[in-house]
PDB file of N, CA and C in Angstrom:
ATOM      1  N   MET A   1     -11.956  25.776  -6.916  1.00  0.00           N
ATOM      2  CA  MET A   1     -10.990  25.049  -6.116  1.00  0.00           C
ATOM      3  C   MET A   1      -9.608  25.584  -6.441  1.00  0.00           C
ATOM      4  N   GLU A   2      -8.845  25.897  -5.412  1.00  0.00           N
ATOM      5  CA  GLU A   2      -7.482  26.371  -5.608  1.00  0.00           C
ATOM      6  C   GLU A   2      -6.537  25.186  -5.695  1.00  0.00           C
ATOM      7  N   CYS A   3      -5.465  25.381  -6.399  1.00  0.00           N
ATOM      8  CA  CYS A   3      -4.483  24.321  -6.571  1.00  0.00           C
ATOM      9  C   CYS A   3      -3.128  24.825  -6.105  1.00  0.00           C
ATOM     10  N   ASP A   4      -2.424  24.045  -5.340  1.00  0.00           N
ATOM     11  CA  ASP A   4      -1.085  24.401  -4.872  1.00  0.00           C
ATOM     12  C   ASP A   4      -0.085  24.006  -5.951  1.00  0.00           C
ATOM     13  N   ALA A   5       0.556  24.977  -6.559  1.00  0.00           N
ATOM     14  CA  ALA A   5       1.484  24.734  -7.663  1.00  0.00           C
ATOM     15  C   ALA A   5       2.695  23.911  -7.244  1.00  0.00           C
ATOM     16  N   ASP A   6       3.041  23.926  -5.950  1.00  0.00           N
ATOM     17  CA  ASP A   6       4.195  23.159  -5.476  1.00  0.00           C
ATOM     18  C   ASP A   6       3.852  21.692  -5.208  1.00  0.00           C
ATOM     19  N   MET A   7       2.599  21.348  -5.221  1.00  0.00           N
ATOM     20  CA  MET A   7       2.151  20.006  -4.899  1.00  0.00           C
ATOM     21  C   MET A   7       1.987  19.198  -6.182  1.00  0.00           C
ATOM     22  N   PRO A   8       2.674  18.041  -6.335  1.00  0.00           N
ATOM     23  CA  PRO A   8       2.477  17.250  -7.549  1.00  0.00           C
ATOM     24  C   PRO A   8       1.055  16.688  -7.586  1.00  0.00           C
ATOM     25  N   PRO A   9       0.505  16.500  -8.766  1.00  0.00           N
ATOM     26  CA  PRO A   9      -0.849  15.972  -8.860  1.00  0.00           C
ATOM     27  C   PRO A   9      -0.895  14.520  -8.394  1.00  0.00           C
ATOM     28  N   SER A  10      -2.039  14.116  -7.881  1.00  0.00           N
ATOM     29  CA  SER A  10      -2.247  12.717  -7.508  1.00  0.00           C
ATOM     30  C   SER A  10      -2.357  11.912  -8.792  1.00  0.00           C
ATOM     31  N   VAL A  11      -1.576  10.865  -8.901  1.00  0.00           N
ATOM     32  CA  VAL A  11      -1.563  10.047 -10.107  1.00  0.00           C
ATOM     33  C   VAL A  11      -1.788   8.595  -9.700  1.00  0.00           C
ATOM     34  N   ASP A  12      -2.791   7.992 -10.289  1.00  0.00           N
ATOM     35  CA  ASP A  12      -3.066   6.586 -10.029  1.00  0.00           C
ATOM     36  C   ASP A  12      -2.778   5.802 -11.292  1.00  0.00           C
ATOM     37  N   GLU A  13      -1.654   5.088 -11.288  1.00  0.00           N
ATOM     38  CA  GLU A  13      -1.263   4.302 -12.455  1.00  0.00           C
ATOM     39  C   GLU A  13      -1.824   2.882 -12.400  1.00  0.00           C
ATOM     40  N   CYS A  14      -2.367   2.504 -11.233  1.00  0.00           N
ATOM     41  CA  CYS A  14      -2.917   1.166 -11.069  1.00  0.00           C
ATOM     42  C   CYS A  14      -3.951   1.220  -9.947  1.00  0.00           C
ATOM     43  N   SER A  15      -4.653   0.121  -9.749  1.00  0.00           N
ATOM     44  CA  SER A  15      -5.713   0.066  -8.739  1.00  0.00           C
ATOM     45  C   SER A  15      -5.286  -0.807  -7.557  1.00  0.00           C
ATOM     46  N   LEU A  16      -5.309  -0.211  -6.356  1.00  0.00           N
ATOM     47  CA  LEU A  16      -5.034  -1.004  -5.153  1.00  0.00           C
ATOM     48  C   LEU A  16      -6.082  -2.101  -4.996  1.00  0.00           C
ATOM     49  N   TRP A  17      -7.303  -1.818  -5.389  1.00  0.00           N
ATOM     50  CA  TRP A  17      -8.405  -2.772  -5.246  1.00  0.00           C
ATOM     51  C   TRP A  17      -8.284  -3.930  -6.232  1.00  0.00           C
ATOM     52  N   MET A  18      -7.879  -3.641  -7.466  1.00  0.00           N
ATOM     53  CA  MET A  18      -7.825  -4.671  -8.500  1.00  0.00           C
ATOM     54  C   MET A  18      -6.459  -5.323  -8.625  1.00  0.00           C
ATOM     55  N   GLN A  19      -5.398  -4.681  -8.096  1.00  0.00           N
ATOM     56  CA  GLN A  19      -4.035  -5.193  -8.243  1.00  0.00           C
ATOM     57  C   GLN A  19      -3.791  -5.597  -9.696  1.00  0.00           C
ATOM     58  N   ASP A  20      -3.861  -4.594 -10.568  1.00  0.00           N
ATOM     59  CA  ASP A  20      -3.828  -4.808 -12.005  1.00  0.00           C
ATOM     60  C   ASP A  20      -2.456  -4.563 -12.645  1.00  0.00           C
ATOM     61  N   CYS A  21      -1.402  -4.872 -11.913  1.00  0.00           N
ATOM     62  CA  CYS A  21      -0.038  -4.721 -12.433  1.00  0.00           C
ATOM     63  C   CYS A  21       0.413  -5.998 -13.131  1.00  0.00           C
ATOM     64  N   PRO A  22       1.434  -5.900 -13.964  1.00  0.00           N
ATOM     65  CA  PRO A  22       1.990  -7.100 -14.611  1.00  0.00           C
ATOM     66  C   PRO A  22       2.547  -8.085 -13.579  1.00  0.00           C
ATOM     67  N   LYS A  23       2.672  -9.339 -13.979  1.00  0.00           N
ATOM     68  CA  LYS A  23       3.219 -10.377 -13.106  1.00  0.00           C
ATOM     69  C   LYS A  23       4.586  -9.942 -12.569  1.00  0.00           C
ATOM     70  N   GLY A  24       4.824 -10.214 -11.285  1.00  0.00           N
ATOM     71  CA  GLY A  24       6.078  -9.843 -10.664  1.00  0.00           C
ATOM     72  C   GLY A  24       6.083  -8.434 -10.096  1.00  0.00           C
ATOM     73  N   GLN A  25       4.941  -7.737 -10.251  1.00  0.00           N
ATOM     74  CA  GLN A  25       4.794  -6.395  -9.709  1.00  0.00           C
ATOM     75  C   GLN A  25       3.505  -6.329  -8.898  1.00  0.00           C
ATOM     76  N   LYS A  26       3.403  -5.289  -8.076  1.00  0.00           N
ATOM     77  CA  LYS A  26       2.174  -5.074  -7.319  1.00  0.00           C
ATOM     78  C   LYS A  26       1.870  -3.590  -7.285  1.00  0.00           C
ATOM     79  N   CYS A  27       0.578  -3.279  -7.234  1.00  0.00           N
ATOM     80  CA  CYS A  27       0.143  -1.900  -7.138  1.00  0.00           C
ATOM     81  C   CYS A  27       0.330  -1.457  -5.696  1.00  0.00           C
ATOM     82  N   MET A  28       1.050  -0.356  -5.525  1.00  0.00           N
ATOM     83  CA  MET A  28       1.358   0.130  -4.177  1.00  0.00           C
ATOM     84  C   MET A  28       1.072   1.618  -4.068  1.00  0.00           C
ATOM     85  N   SER A  29       0.718   2.028  -2.864  1.00  0.00           N
ATOM     86  CA  SER A  29       0.631   3.437  -2.535  1.00  0.00           C
ATOM     87  C   SER A  29       2.054   3.943  -2.339  1.00  0.00           C
ATOM     88  N   TYR A  30       2.288   5.189  -2.704  1.00  0.00           N
ATOM     89  CA  TYR A  30       3.599   5.785  -2.480  1.00  0.00           C
ATOM     90  C   TYR A  30       3.446   7.295  -2.424  1.00  0.00           C
ATOM     91  N   SER A  31       4.491   7.961  -2.026  1.00  0.00           N
ATOM     92  CA  SER A  31       4.507   9.422  -1.992  1.00  0.00           C
ATOM     93  C   SER A  31       5.167   9.927  -3.261  1.00  0.00           C
ATOM     94  N   ASN A  32       4.403  10.612  -4.106  1.00  0.00           N
ATOM     95  CA  ASN A  32       4.988  11.134  -5.344  1.00  0.00           C
ATOM     96  C   ASN A  32       5.609  12.521  -5.153  1.00  0.00           C
ATOM     97  N   ASP A  33       5.652  12.985  -3.891  1.00  0.00           N
ATOM     98  CA  ASP A  33       6.283  14.279  -3.616  1.00  0.00           C
ATOM     99  C   ASP A  33       7.465  14.153  -2.659  1.00  0.00           C
ATOM    100  N   GLY A  34       7.890  12.909  -2.368  1.00  0.00           N
ATOM    101  CA  GLY A  34       9.033  12.681  -1.494  1.00  0.00           C
ATOM    102  C   GLY A  34       8.724  12.770  -0.016  1.00  0.00           C
ATOM    103  N   GLY A  35       7.458  13.014   0.337  1.00  0.00           N
ATOM    104  CA  GLY A  35       7.063  13.112   1.740  1.00  0.00           C
ATOM    105  C   GLY A  35       6.757  11.758   2.349  1.00  0.00           C
ATOM    106  N   ALA A  36       6.141  11.781   3.512  1.00  0.00           N
ATOM    107  CA  ALA A  36       5.820  10.548   4.227  1.00  0.00           C
ATOM    108  C   ALA A  36       4.368  10.123   4.046  1.00  0.00           C
ATOM    109  N   ALA A  37       3.564  10.915   3.334  1.00  0.00           N
ATOM    110  CA  ALA A  37       2.148  10.580   3.125  1.00  0.00           C
ATOM    111  C   ALA A  37       1.957   9.984   1.732  1.00  0.00           C
ATOM    112  N   TYR A  38       1.095   8.964   1.650  1.00  0.00           N
ATOM    113  CA  TYR A  38       0.766   8.363   0.364  1.00  0.00           C
ATOM    114  C   TYR A  38      -0.052   9.352  -0.461  1.00  0.00           C
ATOM    115  N   THR A  39       0.366   9.570  -1.711  1.00  0.00           N
ATOM    116  CA  THR A  39      -0.311  10.529  -2.582  1.00  0.00           C
ATOM    117  C   THR A  39      -0.686   9.964  -3.948  1.00  0.00           C
ATOM    118  N   ALA A  40      -0.261   8.741  -4.263  1.00  0.00           N
ATOM    119  CA  ALA A  40      -0.522   8.170  -5.581  1.00  0.00           C
ATOM    120  C   ALA A  40      -0.302   6.651  -5.531  1.00  0.00           C
ATOM    121  N   THR A  41      -0.589   6.002  -6.637  1.00  0.00           N
ATOM    122  CA  THR A  41      -0.328   4.567  -6.754  1.00  0.00           C
ATOM    123  C   THR A  41       0.424   4.301  -8.062  1.00  0.00           C
ATOM    124  N   LYS A  42       1.234   3.258  -8.048  1.00  0.00           N
ATOM    125  CA  LYS A  42       1.859   2.767  -9.275  1.00  0.00           C
ATOM    126  C   LYS A  42       2.389   1.364  -9.027  1.00  0.00           C
ATOM    127  N   CYS A  43       2.799   0.701 -10.109  1.00  0.00           N
ATOM    128  CA  CYS A  43       3.318  -0.663 -10.026  1.00  0.00           C
ATOM    129  C   CYS A  43       4.777  -0.643  -9.582  1.00  0.00           C
ATOM    130  N   PHE A  44       5.080  -1.518  -8.630  1.00  0.00           N
ATOM    131  CA  PHE A  44       6.442  -1.675  -8.118  1.00  0.00           C
ATOM    132  C   PHE A  44       6.816  -3.152  -8.170  1.00  0.00           C
ATOM    133  N   PRO A  45       8.103  -3.465  -8.343  1.00  0.00           N
ATOM    134  CA  PRO A  45       8.522  -4.870  -8.348  1.00  0.00           C
ATOM    135  C   PRO A  45       8.317  -5.514  -6.983  1.00  0.00           C
ATOM    136  N   VAL A  46       7.955  -6.789  -7.010  1.00  0.00           N
ATOM    137  CA  VAL A  46       7.817  -7.574  -5.782  1.00  0.00           C
ATOM    138  C   VAL A  46       9.203  -8.046  -5.366  1.00  0.00           C
ATOM    139  N   ASP A  47       9.471  -8.012  -4.082  1.00  0.00           N
ATOM    140  CA  ASP A  47      10.741  -8.484  -3.530  1.00  0.00           C
ATOM    141  C   ASP A  47      11.016  -9.905  -4.031  1.00  0.00           C
ATOM    142  N   LEU A  48      12.276 -10.224  -4.326  1.00  0.00           N
ATOM    143  CA  LEU A  48      12.626 -11.547  -4.845  1.00  0.00           C
ATOM    144  C   LEU A  48      12.418 -12.661  -3.835  1.00  0.00           C
ATOM    145  N   ASN A  49      12.501 -12.372  -2.544  1.00  0.00           N
ATOM    146  CA  ASN A  49      12.252 -13.343  -1.486  1.00  0.00           C
ATOM    147  C   ASN A  49      11.216 -12.721  -0.544  1.00  0.00           C
ATOM    148  N   PRO A  50       9.955 -12.654  -1.006  1.00  0.00           N
ATOM    149  CA  PRO A  50       8.954 -11.860  -0.288  1.00  0.00           C
ATOM    150  C   PRO A  50       8.477 -12.466   1.029  1.00  0.00           C
ATOM    151  N   ASP A  51       8.127 -11.567   1.942  1.00  0.00           N
ATOM    152  CA  ASP A  51       7.447 -11.965   3.174  1.00  0.00           C
ATOM    153  C   ASP A  51       5.975 -12.156   2.834  1.00  0.00           C
ATOM    154  N   MET A  52       5.313 -13.057   3.583  1.00  0.00           N
ATOM    155  CA  MET A  52       3.924 -13.389   3.299  1.00  0.00           C
ATOM    156  C   MET A  52       2.992 -12.770   4.346  1.00  0.00           C
ATOM    157  N   VAL A  53       1.691 -12.883   4.122  1.00  0.00           N
ATOM    158  CA  VAL A  53       0.678 -12.320   5.026  1.00  0.00           C
ATOM    159  C   VAL A  53       0.962 -12.721   6.467  1.00  0.00           C
ATOM    160  N   GLY A  54       0.980 -11.718   7.352  1.00  0.00           N
ATOM    161  CA  GLY A  54       1.193 -11.946   8.778  1.00  0.00           C
ATOM    162  C   GLY A  54       2.643 -12.002   9.201  1.00  0.00           C
ATOM    163  N   GLU A  55       3.564 -12.090   8.240  1.00  0.00           N
ATOM    164  CA  GLU A  55       4.986 -12.134   8.574  1.00  0.00           C
ATOM    165  C   GLU A  55       5.533 -10.735   8.774  1.00  0.00           C
ATOM    166  N   GLU A  56       6.607 -10.642   9.550  1.00  0.00           N
ATOM    167  CA  GLU A  56       7.281  -9.362   9.734  1.00  0.00           C
ATOM    168  C   GLU A  56       7.861  -8.905   8.405  1.00  0.00           C
ATOM    169  N   CYS A  57       7.864  -7.590   8.217  1.00  0.00           N
ATOM    170  CA  CYS A  57       8.335  -7.020   6.957  1.00  0.00           C
ATOM    171  C   CYS A  57       9.023  -5.695   7.228  1.00  0.00           C
ATOM    172  N   ILE A  58       9.572  -5.147   6.169  1.00  0.00           N
ATOM    173  CA  ILE A  58      10.183  -3.817   6.254  1.00  0.00           C
ATOM    174  C   ILE A  58       9.787  -3.029   5.009  1.00  0.00           C
ATOM    175  N   ALA A  59       9.513  -1.750   5.217  1.00  0.00           N
ATOM    176  CA  ALA A  59       9.298  -0.823   4.106  1.00  0.00           C
ATOM    177  C   ALA A  59      10.629  -0.113   3.901  1.00  0.00           C
ATOM    178  N   TYR A  60      11.062  -0.026   2.669  1.00  0.00           N
ATOM    179  CA  TYR A  60      12.379   0.535   2.397  1.00  0.00           C
ATOM    180  C   TYR A  60      12.345   2.057   2.374  1.00  0.00           C
ATOM    181  N   ASP A  61      13.489   2.657   2.518  1.00  0.00           N
ATOM    182  CA  ASP A  61      13.684   4.113   2.523  1.00  0.00           C
ATOM    183  C   ASP A  61      12.822   4.777   3.590  1.00  0.00           C
ATOM    184  N   ASN A  62      11.915   5.667   3.200  1.00  0.00           N
ATOM    185  CA  ASN A  62      11.156   6.413   4.210  1.00  0.00           C
ATOM    186  C   ASN A  62       9.821   5.755   4.570  1.00  0.00           C
ATOM    187  N   GLY A  63       9.523   4.621   4.009  1.00  0.00           N
ATOM    188  CA  GLY A  63       8.278   3.926   4.297  1.00  0.00           C
ATOM    189  C   GLY A  63       7.145   4.320   3.374  1.00  0.00           C
ATOM    190  N   ALA A  64       7.330   5.340   2.567  1.00  0.00           N
ATOM    191  CA  ALA A  64       6.274   5.780   1.657  1.00  0.00           C
ATOM    192  C   ALA A  64       6.754   5.826   0.206  1.00  0.00           C
ATOM    193  N   ASP A  65       7.807   5.074  -0.083  1.00  0.00           N
ATOM    194  CA  ASP A  65       8.324   5.087  -1.453  1.00  0.00           C
ATOM    195  C   ASP A  65       7.765   3.950  -2.310  1.00  0.00           C
ATOM    196  N   GLY A  66       6.888   3.111  -1.744  1.00  0.00           N
ATOM    197  CA  GLY A  66       6.243   2.045  -2.508  1.00  0.00           C
ATOM    198  C   GLY A  66       6.971   0.725  -2.516  1.00  0.00           C
ATOM    199  N   LEU A  67       8.170   0.674  -1.957  1.00  0.00           N
ATOM    200  CA  LEU A  67       8.941  -0.565  -1.944  1.00  0.00           C
ATOM    201  C   LEU A  67       8.916  -1.186  -0.553  1.00  0.00           C
ATOM    202  N   ASP A  68       8.596  -2.475  -0.501  1.00  0.00           N
ATOM    203  CA  ASP A  68       8.625  -3.192   0.770  1.00  0.00           C
ATOM    204  C   ASP A  68       8.986  -4.645   0.525  1.00  0.00           C
ATOM    205  N   SER A  69       9.078  -5.414   1.590  1.00  0.00           N
ATOM    206  CA  SER A  69       9.504  -6.808   1.480  1.00  0.00           C
ATOM    207  C   SER A  69       8.340  -7.793   1.362  1.00  0.00           C
ATOM    208  N   CYS A  70       7.122  -7.314   1.228  1.00  0.00           N
ATOM    209  CA  CYS A  70       5.942  -8.192   1.156  1.00  0.00           C
ATOM    210  C   CYS A  70       5.675  -8.682  -0.269  1.00  0.00           C
ATOM    211  N   GLY A  71       4.970  -9.790  -0.355  1.00  0.00           N
ATOM    212  CA  GLY A  71       4.653 -10.404  -1.636  1.00  0.00           C
ATOM    213  C   GLY A  71       3.496  -9.730  -2.352  1.00  0.00           C
ATOM    214  N   GLU A  72       3.138 -10.292  -3.518  1.00  0.00           N
ATOM    215  CA  GLU A  72       2.034  -9.766  -4.317  1.00  0.00           C
ATOM    216  C   GLU A  72       0.750  -9.760  -3.501  1.00  0.00           C
ATOM    217  N   GLY A  73      -0.056  -8.728  -3.696  1.00  0.00           N
ATOM    218  CA  GLY A  73      -1.347  -8.634  -3.024  1.00  0.00           C
ATOM    219  C   GLY A  73      -1.269  -8.184  -1.577  1.00  0.00           C
ATOM    220  N   THR A  74      -0.060  -7.821  -1.109  1.00  0.00           N
ATOM    221  CA  THR A  74       0.108  -7.386   0.275  1.00  0.00           C
ATOM    222  C   THR A  74       1.016  -6.162   0.343  1.00  0.00           C
ATOM    223  N   MET A  75       0.925  -5.457   1.467  1.00  0.00           N
ATOM    224  CA  MET A  75       1.847  -4.349   1.713  1.00  0.00           C
ATOM    225  C   MET A  75       2.297  -4.402   3.157  1.00  0.00           C
ATOM    226  N   CYS A  76       3.428  -3.805   3.436  1.00  0.00           N
ATOM    227  CA  CYS A  76       3.954  -3.765   4.791  1.00  0.00           C
ATOM    228  C   CYS A  76       3.188  -2.700   5.578  1.00  0.00           C
ATOM    229  N   TRP A  77       2.340  -3.150   6.499  1.00  0.00           N
ATOM    230  CA  TRP A  77       1.586  -2.245   7.361  1.00  0.00           C
ATOM    231  C   TRP A  77       2.521  -1.872   8.499  1.00  0.00           C
ATOM    232  N   ILE A  78       3.038  -0.651   8.444  1.00  0.00           N
ATOM    233  CA  ILE A  78       4.099  -0.220   9.352  1.00  0.00           C
ATOM    234  C   ILE A  78       3.568  -0.050  10.773  1.00  0.00           C
ATOM    235  N   LEU A  79       4.222  -0.740  11.696  1.00  0.00           N
ATOM    236  CA  LEU A  79       3.872  -0.664  13.109  1.00  0.00           C
ATOM    237  C   LEU A  79       4.841   0.230  13.871  1.00  0.00           C
ATOM    238  N   ASP A  80       6.058   0.383  13.344  1.00  0.00           N
ATOM    239  CA  ASP A  80       7.082   1.200  13.991  1.00  0.00           C
ATOM    240  C   ASP A  80       7.715   2.098  12.935  1.00  0.00           C
ATOM    241  N   TRP A  81       7.367   3.394  12.962  1.00  0.00           N
ATOM    242  CA  TRP A  81       7.841   4.315  11.930  1.00  0.00           C
ATOM    243  C   TRP A  81       9.318   4.650  12.071  1.00  0.00           C
ATOM    244  N   GLU A  82       9.906   4.430  13.238  1.00  0.00           N
ATOM    245  CA  GLU A  82      11.354   4.672  13.375  1.00  0.00           C
ATOM    246  C   GLU A  82      12.156   3.623  12.621  1.00  0.00           C
ATOM    247  N   SER A  83      11.771   2.353  12.772  1.00  0.00           N
ATOM    248  CA  SER A  83      12.495   1.275  12.109  1.00  0.00           C
ATOM    249  C   SER A  83      11.877   0.911  10.762  1.00  0.00           C
ATOM    250  N   ILE A  84      10.717   1.484  10.435  1.00  0.00           N
ATOM    251  CA  ILE A  84       9.874   1.167   9.276  1.00  0.00           C
ATOM    252  C   ILE A  84       9.639  -0.337   9.119  1.00  0.00           C
ATOM    253  N   GLU A  85       9.373  -0.981  10.259  1.00  0.00           N
ATOM    254  CA  GLU A  85       9.044  -2.406  10.282  1.00  0.00           C
ATOM    255  C   GLU A  85       7.560  -2.576  10.572  1.00  0.00           C
ATOM    256  N   GLY A  86       7.014  -3.677  10.108  1.00  0.00           N
ATOM    257  CA  GLY A  86       5.609  -3.955  10.337  1.00  0.00           C
ATOM    258  C   GLY A  86       5.273  -5.391  10.029  1.00  0.00           C
ATOM    259  N   LEU A  87       4.026  -5.621   9.625  1.00  0.00           N
ATOM    260  CA  LEU A  87       3.536  -6.939   9.247  1.00  0.00           C
ATOM    261  C   LEU A  87       2.900  -6.853   7.874  1.00  0.00           C
ATOM    262  N   CYS A  88       3.077  -7.900   7.065  1.00  0.00           N
ATOM    263  CA  CYS A  88       2.457  -7.927   5.744  1.00  0.00           C
ATOM    264  C   CYS A  88       0.949  -8.091   5.906  1.00  0.00           C
ATOM    265  N   ALA A  89       0.210  -7.168   5.317  1.00  0.00           N
ATOM    266  CA  ALA A  89      -1.252  -7.194   5.359  1.00  0.00           C
ATOM    267  C   ALA A  89      -1.779  -7.264   3.932  1.00  0.00           C
ATOM    268  N   PRO A  90      -2.813  -8.095   3.710  1.00  0.00           N
ATOM    269  CA  PRO A  90      -3.371  -8.189   2.356  1.00  0.00           C
ATOM    270  C   PRO A  90      -4.179  -6.944   1.999  1.00  0.00           C
ATOM    271  N   PHE A  91      -4.173  -6.603   0.719  1.00  0.00           N
ATOM    272  CA  PHE A  91      -5.017  -5.518   0.246  1.00  0.00           C
ATOM    273  C   PHE A  91      -6.472  -5.966   0.291  1.00  0.00           C
ATOM    274  N   CYS A  92      -7.366  -5.023   0.518  1.00  0.00           N
ATOM    275  CA  CYS A  92      -8.799  -5.296   0.451  1.00  0.00           C
ATOM    276  C   CYS A  92      -9.147  -5.621  -1.006  1.00  0.00           C
ATOM    277  N   THR A  93     -10.198  -6.373  -1.192  1.00  0.00           N
ATOM    278  CA  THR A  93     -10.698  -6.674  -2.529  1.00  0.00           C
ATOM    279  C   THR A  93     -12.040  -5.976  -2.706  1.00  0.00           C
ATOM    280  N   GLY A  94     -12.562  -5.979  -3.901  1.00  0.00           N
ATOM    281  CA  GLY A  94     -13.852  -5.349  -4.161  1.00  0.00           C
ATOM    282  C   GLY A  94     -13.696  -3.888  -4.496  1.00  0.00           C
ATOM    283  N   ALA A  95     -14.428  -3.046  -3.765  1.00  0.00           N
ATOM    284  CA  ALA A  95     -14.407  -1.593  -3.992  1.00  0.00           C
ATOM    285  C   ALA A  95     -14.664  -0.892  -2.668  1.00  0.00           C
ATOM    286  N   VAL A  96     -14.393   0.410  -2.635  1.00  0.00           N
ATOM    287  CA  VAL A  96     -14.524   1.169  -1.393  1.00  0.00           C
ATOM    288  C   VAL A  96     -15.926   1.063  -0.798  1.00  0.00           C
ATOM    289  N   ASP A  97     -16.966   0.961  -1.645  1.00  0.00           N
ATOM    290  CA  ASP A  97     -18.332   0.864  -1.127  1.00  0.00           C
ATOM    291  C   ASP A  97     -18.776  -0.576  -0.886  1.00  0.00           C
ATOM    292  N   ASP A  98     -17.936  -1.554  -1.239  1.00  0.00           N
ATOM    293  CA  ASP A  98     -18.235  -2.964  -1.005  1.00  0.00           C
ATOM    294  C   ASP A  98     -16.924  -3.737  -0.827  1.00  0.00           C
ATOM    295  N   PRO A  99     -16.166  -3.426   0.260  1.00  0.00           N
ATOM    296  CA  PRO A  99     -14.849  -4.051   0.448  1.00  0.00           C
ATOM    297  C   PRO A  99     -14.941  -5.501   0.897  1.00  0.00           C
ATOM    298  N   GLY A 100     -13.906  -6.263   0.558  1.00  0.00           N
ATOM    299  CA  GLY A 100     -13.836  -7.655   0.962  1.00  0.00           C
ATOM    300  C   GLY A 100     -12.527  -7.972   1.660  1.00  0.00           C
ATOM    301  N   CYS A 101     -12.617  -8.808   2.698  1.00  0.00           N
ATOM    302  CA  CYS A 101     -11.453  -9.280   3.441  1.00  0.00           C
ATOM    303  C   CYS A 101     -11.757 -10.680   3.959  1.00  0.00           C
ATOM    304  N   ALA A 102     -10.738 -11.389   4.388  1.00  0.00           N
ATOM    305  CA  ALA A 102     -10.899 -12.722   4.964  1.00  0.00           C
ATOM    306  C   ALA A 102     -11.640 -12.620   6.300  1.00  0.00           C
ATOM    307  N   PRO A 103     -12.319 -13.700   6.707  1.00  0.00           N
ATOM    308  CA  PRO A 103     -12.990 -13.691   8.013  1.00  0.00           C
ATOM    309  C   PRO A 103     -12.006 -13.329   9.132  1.00  0.00           C
ATOM    310  N   GLY A 104     -12.486 -12.569  10.101  1.00  0.00           N
ATOM    311  CA  GLY A 104     -11.656 -12.152  11.223  1.00  0.00           C
ATOM    312  C   GLY A 104     -10.870 -10.884  10.967  1.00  0.00           C
ATOM    313  N   THR A 105     -11.033 -10.327   9.754  1.00  0.00           N
ATOM    314  CA  THR A 105     -10.376  -9.068   9.416  1.00  0.00           C
ATOM    315  C   THR A 105     -11.407  -8.127   8.813  1.00  0.00           C
ATOM    316  N   GLU A 106     -11.049  -6.854   8.771  1.00  0.00           N
ATOM    317  CA  GLU A 106     -11.918  -5.893   8.094  1.00  0.00           C
ATOM    318  C   GLU A 106     -11.071  -4.925   7.289  1.00  0.00           C
ATOM    319  N   CYS A 107     -11.690  -4.339   6.287  1.00  0.00           N
ATOM    320  CA  CYS A 107     -10.984  -3.438   5.392  1.00  0.00           C
ATOM    321  C   CYS A 107     -10.799  -2.087   6.065  1.00  0.00           C
ATOM    322  N   TYR A 108      -9.556  -1.649   6.111  1.00  0.00           N
ATOM    323  CA  TYR A 108      -9.217  -0.328   6.620  1.00  0.00           C
ATOM    324  C   TYR A 108      -8.848   0.535   5.420  1.00  0.00           C
ATOM    325  N   VAL A 109      -9.540   1.653   5.267  1.00  0.00           N
ATOM    326  CA  VAL A 109      -9.220   2.615   4.211  1.00  0.00           C
ATOM    327  C   VAL A 109      -8.800   3.893   4.912  1.00  0.00           C
ATOM    328  N   ASN A 110      -7.547   4.321   4.710  1.00  0.00           N
ATOM    329  CA  ASN A 110      -7.094   5.538   5.385  1.00  0.00           C
ATOM    330  C   ASN A 110      -7.745   6.768   4.769  1.00  0.00           C
ATOM    331  N   GLY A 111      -7.572   7.900   5.413  1.00  0.00           N
ATOM    332  CA  GLY A 111      -8.227   9.134   5.001  1.00  0.00           C
ATOM    333  C   GLY A 111      -7.941   9.566   3.576  1.00  0.00           C
ATOM    334  N   SER A 112      -6.749   9.287   3.081  1.00  0.00           N
ATOM    335  CA  SER A 112      -6.401   9.692   1.720  1.00  0.00           C
ATOM    336  C   SER A 112      -6.893   8.685   0.689  1.00  0.00           C
ATOM    337  N   GLY A 113      -7.332   7.494   1.141  1.00  0.00           N
ATOM    338  CA  GLY A 113      -7.787   6.459   0.227  1.00  0.00           C
ATOM    339  C   GLY A 113      -6.667   5.646  -0.369  1.00  0.00           C
ATOM    340  N   PHE A 114      -5.416   5.911   0.046  1.00  0.00           N
ATOM    341  CA  PHE A 114      -4.284   5.191  -0.511  1.00  0.00           C
ATOM    342  C   PHE A 114      -3.810   4.045   0.370  1.00  0.00           C
ATOM    343  N   GLY A 115      -4.493   3.784   1.459  1.00  0.00           N
ATOM    344  CA  GLY A 115      -4.197   2.632   2.296  1.00  0.00           C
ATOM    345  C   GLY A 115      -5.456   1.790   2.372  1.00  0.00           C
ATOM    346  N   VAL A 116      -5.476   0.645   1.735  1.00  0.00           N
ATOM    347  CA  VAL A 116      -6.659  -0.222   1.721  1.00  0.00           C
ATOM    348  C   VAL A 116      -6.221  -1.638   2.053  1.00  0.00           C
ATOM    349  N   VAL A 117      -6.095  -1.932   3.340  1.00  0.00           N
ATOM    350  CA  VAL A 117      -5.602  -3.235   3.770  1.00  0.00           C
ATOM    351  C   VAL A 117      -6.575  -3.882   4.745  1.00  0.00           C
ATOM    352  N   CYS A 118      -6.527  -5.218   4.776  1.00  0.00           N
ATOM    353  CA  CYS A 118      -7.336  -5.998   5.698  1.00  0.00           C
ATOM    354  C   CYS A 118      -6.567  -6.152   7.002  1.00  0.00           C
ATOM    355  N   LEU A 119      -7.160  -5.668   8.080  1.00  0.00           N
ATOM    356  CA  LEU A 119      -6.528  -5.720   9.395  1.00  0.00           C
ATOM    357  C   LEU A 119      -7.380  -6.563  10.334  1.00  0.00           C
ATOM    358  N   PRO A 120      -6.737  -7.231  11.312  1.00  0.00           N
ATOM    359  CA  PRO A 120      -7.501  -8.042  12.267  1.00  0.00           C
ATOM    360  C   PRO A 120      -8.529  -7.200  13.013  1.00  0.00           C
ATOM    361  N   LEU A 121      -9.670  -7.819  13.323  1.00  0.00           N
ATOM    362  CA  LEU A 121     -10.720  -7.136  14.087  1.00  0.00           C
ATOM    363  C   LEU A 121     -10.266  -6.846  15.489  1.00  0.00           C
TER     364      LEU A 121
END
């Protein structure tokens, strides 16, 4: 397997599935190379006045820096990449081979595996 020396390694400091960050923080996908694609996970502080599941939210900066206005256990699922606004969606629970979500939703795992949220059916 060849490795691109200009590409930072994928680093997972926490689990999106387990949300194993300290209180007041949440495990989030982010771009560790400054791009717009999620490439790693780490713990980020939760907004002091967080938006809740289903509420409108905003992802800060470029939308892939790991910071958003959603509360613990949720991330801003971006609906408009120009304004980086969306809706707070809960993270899936369980594991990739046995995901869990509330009734009426299903677990969406993006191609890179760094987006694991429950979306309406």
